[in-house]
Amino acid sequence: MPQNLIFTNEVEQALVELLSRKDFNKLCIIADTNSTRCVLDQLHGRPRGSASLITITPGEENKNIETLMQVWQQLGEAGFTRH
């Protein structure tokens, strides 16, 4: 699967454009609490309104298998699939 790197100051617009090209049935934003504070306030429209949110603790020490397992657990409980 190709990676998409987007450099922008217009986060909401970029996400709307990206999501319009994708086929999905649910949307989840996974972010640490710093990103949540700084970026999510910019998402007023479709991307944020239709998305679930999973928040993790910031910091390199939290990028570990335990955090990954918690994220997978929350995604499963919310009914997320690969599509």
C-alpha atoms as a PDB file:
ATOM      1  CA  MET A   1       0.000   0.000   0.000  1.00  0.00           C
ATOM      2  CA  PRO A   2       1.481   3.367  -0.970  1.00  0.00           C
ATOM      3  CA  GLN A   3       2.137   5.926   1.727  1.00  0.00           C
ATOM      4  CA  ASN A   4       0.729   9.449   1.521  1.00  0.00           C
ATOM      5  CA  LEU A   5       2.829  12.270   2.933  1.00  0.00           C
ATOM      6  CA  ILE A   6       0.965  15.546   2.999  1.00  0.00           C
ATOM      7  CA  PHE A   7       2.557  18.796   4.116  1.00  0.00           C
ATOM      8  CA  THR A   8      -0.100  21.426   4.702  1.00  0.00           C
ATOM      9  CA  ASN A   9      -1.426  24.115   6.983  1.00  0.00           C
ATOM     10  CA  GLU A  10      -4.967  23.232   5.848  1.00  0.00           C
ATOM     11  CA  VAL A  11      -5.408  19.961   7.757  1.00  0.00           C
ATOM     12  CA  GLU A  12      -9.175  19.670   7.385  1.00  0.00           C
ATOM     13  CA  GLN A  13      -9.134  20.333   3.634  1.00  0.00           C
ATOM     14  CA  ALA A  14      -6.280  17.859   3.075  1.00  0.00           C
ATOM     15  CA  LEU A  15      -8.090  15.151   5.029  1.00  0.00           C
ATOM     16  CA  VAL A  16     -11.358  15.700   3.198  1.00  0.00           C
ATOM     17  CA  GLU A  17      -9.535  15.420  -0.148  1.00  0.00           C
ATOM     18  CA  LEU A  18      -7.651  12.289   0.929  1.00  0.00           C
ATOM     19  CA  LEU A  19     -10.725  10.574   2.367  1.00  0.00           C
ATOM     20  CA  SER A  20     -12.792  11.308  -0.724  1.00  0.00           C
ATOM     21  CA  ARG A  21     -10.415   9.032  -2.669  1.00  0.00           C
ATOM     22  CA  LYS A  22     -10.659   6.130  -0.187  1.00  0.00           C
ATOM     23  CA  ASP A  23     -13.254   3.420   0.311  1.00  0.00           C
ATOM     24  CA  PHE A  24     -14.017   2.835   3.986  1.00  0.00           C
ATOM     25  CA  ASN A  25     -16.997   2.161   6.226  1.00  0.00           C
ATOM     26  CA  LYS A  26     -15.676   3.681   9.478  1.00  0.00           C
ATOM     27  CA  LEU A  27     -13.051   6.242  10.368  1.00  0.00           C
ATOM     28  CA  CYS A  28     -10.881   6.468  13.473  1.00  0.00           C
ATOM     29  CA  ILE A  29      -8.350   9.118  14.390  1.00  0.00           C
ATOM     30  CA  ILE A  30      -5.535   7.794  16.579  1.00  0.00           C
ATOM     31  CA  ALA A  31      -3.501  10.558  18.187  1.00  0.00           C
ATOM     32  CA  ASP A  32      -1.605  11.352  21.336  1.00  0.00           C
ATOM     33  CA  THR A  33      -2.978  13.981  23.683  1.00  0.00           C
ATOM     34  CA  ASN A  34      -0.561  16.621  22.353  1.00  0.00           C
ATOM     35  CA  SER A  35      -1.745  16.114  18.777  1.00  0.00           C
ATOM     36  CA  THR A  36      -5.340  16.050  19.934  1.00  0.00           C
ATOM     37  CA  ARG A  37      -4.929  19.456  21.562  1.00  0.00           C
ATOM     38  CA  CYS A  38      -3.033  20.996  18.652  1.00  0.00           C
ATOM     39  CA  VAL A  39      -4.701  19.529  15.581  1.00  0.00           C
ATOM     40  CA  LEU A  40      -8.192  18.216  16.274  1.00  0.00           C
ATOM     41  CA  ASP A  41      -9.559  21.670  17.006  1.00  0.00           C
ATOM     42  CA  GLN A  42      -8.862  22.445  13.342  1.00  0.00           C
ATOM     43  CA  LEU A  43     -11.191  19.643  12.214  1.00  0.00           C
ATOM     44  CA  HIS A  44     -14.688  21.074  12.350  1.00  0.00           C
ATOM     45  CA  GLY A  45     -16.250  19.315   9.391  1.00  0.00           C
ATOM     46  CA  ARG A  46     -16.551  15.840   7.979  1.00  0.00           C
ATOM     47  CA  PRO A  47     -13.273  14.193   9.056  1.00  0.00           C
ATOM     48  CA  ARG A  48     -13.732  14.869  12.756  1.00  0.00           C
ATOM     49  CA  GLY A  49     -17.513  14.669  12.851  1.00  0.00           C
ATOM     50  CA  SER A  50     -17.678  11.167  11.404  1.00  0.00           C
ATOM     51  CA  ALA A  51     -14.618   9.749  13.159  1.00  0.00           C
ATOM     52  CA  SER A  52     -14.074   7.848  16.356  1.00  0.00           C
ATOM     53  CA  LEU A  53     -11.133   9.017  18.434  1.00  0.00           C
ATOM     54  CA  ILE A  54      -8.543   6.925  20.242  1.00  0.00           C
ATOM     55  CA  THR A  55      -6.141   8.977  22.357  1.00  0.00           C
ATOM     56  CA  ILE A  56      -2.827   7.669  23.618  1.00  0.00           C
ATOM     57  CA  THR A  57      -0.304   9.111  26.046  1.00  0.00           C
ATOM     58  CA  PRO A  58       2.422  11.167  24.323  1.00  0.00           C
ATOM     59  CA  GLY A  59       6.096  10.294  24.382  1.00  0.00           C
ATOM     60  CA  GLU A  60       8.433   7.775  22.811  1.00  0.00           C
ATOM     61  CA  GLU A  61       8.147   5.515  25.851  1.00  0.00           C
ATOM     62  CA  ASN A  62       4.475   4.977  25.013  1.00  0.00           C
ATOM     63  CA  LYS A  63       5.144   3.806  21.463  1.00  0.00           C
ATOM     64  CA  ASN A  64       5.247   0.185  22.500  1.00  0.00           C
ATOM     65  CA  ILE A  65       3.456  -3.131  22.151  1.00  0.00           C
ATOM     66  CA  GLU A  66       1.208  -2.472  25.167  1.00  0.00           C
ATOM     67  CA  THR A  67      -0.129   0.720  23.604  1.00  0.00           C
ATOM     68  CA  LEU A  68      -0.600  -1.076  20.294  1.00  0.00           C
ATOM     69  CA  MET A  69      -2.574  -3.837  22.023  1.00  0.00           C
ATOM     70  CA  GLN A  70      -4.801  -1.225  23.705  1.00  0.00           C
ATOM     71  CA  VAL A  71      -5.453   0.477  20.358  1.00  0.00           C
ATOM     72  CA  TRP A  72      -6.316  -2.855  18.689  1.00  0.00           C
ATOM     73  CA  GLN A  73      -8.627  -3.685  21.602  1.00  0.00           C
ATOM     74  CA  GLN A  74     -10.463  -0.366  21.284  1.00  0.00           C
ATOM     75  CA  LEU A  75     -10.746  -0.726  17.505  1.00  0.00           C
ATOM     76  CA  GLY A  76     -12.189  -4.212  17.896  1.00  0.00           C
ATOM     77  CA  GLU A  77     -14.675  -3.125  20.558  1.00  0.00           C
ATOM     78  CA  ALA A  78     -15.833  -0.310  18.268  1.00  0.00           C
ATOM     79  CA  GLY A  79     -16.444  -2.761  15.400  1.00  0.00           C
ATOM     80  CA  PHE A  80     -13.649  -1.639  13.106  1.00  0.00           C
ATOM     81  CA  THR A  81     -12.501  -3.900  10.277  1.00  0.00           C
ATOM     82  CA  ARG A  82      -9.785  -3.595   7.644  1.00  0.00           C
ATOM     83  CA  HIS A  83     -12.302  -1.913   5.330  1.00  0.00           C
END
